[in-house]
Amino acid sequence: MLSTALKSTASLMTRSFWAHVPMGPPDPIIGVTEAFNRDTNPNKMNVGVGAYRDDSGKPFVLPSVRAAEEKLLAQNLNHEYLPTHGCPNLRQAAKVLAFGADSVAIKENLVASAQTISGTGSLRIGGEFLNKFHSSKAIYLPTPSWGNHTPIFRDSGLEIRSYAYYKKDTKSLDFERMLESISGIEEGATILLHACAHNPTGVDPSQEQWNEISQAIKARNLLVFIDMAYQGFASGYPEKDAYAVRKFTEDGHRILLSQSFAKNMGVYGQRCGAFSIVGADAESAAALESQLKIIIRPMYSSPALHAARLVTTVLTDPDLHSQWSADVKGMADRIIGMRHALKAGLQREGSTHNWDHLTNQIGMFCFTGMTPGQVEQLITQYSVYLTKDGRISIAGVSSRNVDYLASAMHAVTK
């Protein structure tokens, strides 16, 4: 009898430990996918998820990555831990890809770096570093920005602020207001920039505009943090997509850089990325790198080994690197082709709206300009699933469904 009472009391106490924990809100992207999976409409489309699909709507393993896997398998390698800050060869290859082989910053050993758990992990390491060592806790994000930027930096202890970026009525870059916003940011604050394929808008500055942005930021003495999640995936040319990184470094900005290999190599689940900081000299870079290791050690100890081997093999094997260049160009070209096909489909449907932004924007995502009400109609009446802000992932569009999407978009926007 006593034993039963004690068990009952223990069970009650255990439950009471967590009675105050509320149900968390659902992730909007995951919610879109769950609703899509429940739908029985044979014409259903999921254009909400940021993962590349081939023209059959299937996940795509890059031929260069598949070849790298086979090459690694033949070597019968072990599964030992990587160093805390990751694979040295991966870190070097990532720096060369971002900054360029001829970069003075690389040649003079100014770049501290760490392999990270993809782009999200890289951003979080950067946020923790800023909170620990930077005098200003303010970080300015473009309006809008990737939805995960805010919780990543907020949970790192930083103060989230914003600057003007997107012009809704023209669905393009609000360049003048962006420069005006930058001129009003307090000195020493951090400003986050998307290197290319801005998420969620698909709107990027031109190279000439990047040049002006660099000078405006320098005039305010701001710390630059660049998020480069789509190098090569935007234009099809990794060097072109890295323009902002290389220009800002050339202009003397001691940038922080987040890289992800999820999109441009299709290794989403392998979680491979890199974080870099440009120091004033080699001694400073060594000190910065030592602190990155100290941040990483209690967080996840060391990064993923197989991910590092895959990416390093692709980037350092000349034949595989050449194949990868063709692979990433092929993905970018398919995305660009679907943008043009969707615009042409809307015109055939008789839409009187200006859809130039579909082809002016770049990268995986497109800000269509559709309202939440129109999005709701697309979902409920046509089984086309996307986020409420009207953002669609062009990667979910194929030659088989682009006309259906055009017809549905015209129906809800006419």
Foldseek 3Di string as FASTA:
>chain_A
DVVVVVVVVVVVVVVVVCPPPDDDDDDQLVVLVVLLVPDPPPQFFEFADDAFAPQVLHQDAFPLLVVLVVVVVVVVDDFDFAALQGDPLLFLLQCCLQQNPPHPLVVQQQKAKGKAQFQLRQLLLVLLCCVVDAPALEEEEEVVAPPVNVVSNVVSVGDYHYFYFADLVVLEGPLVRRLVRLLPDAAREEYEEELACTPPALYDDDLVSLLVVLVSNVVRNHAYEYEYEQQCLWQLHNVRSSSSVNNNVVVPHQHKYKYGCCHLRVPVVQRIIMIMTGHPGNVRSVVVNVVSSVSRCVPPNHGGDVVSSSVSCCSPPVVSVVSSSVRSSVNQVQLLVLLVLLVVLLVVLPDPDDQVQSNNRTGQKHQRSDALVLQVCCCPPPNYGHGSRRMGGSSRDHPVNSNVVSNSSNVSPD
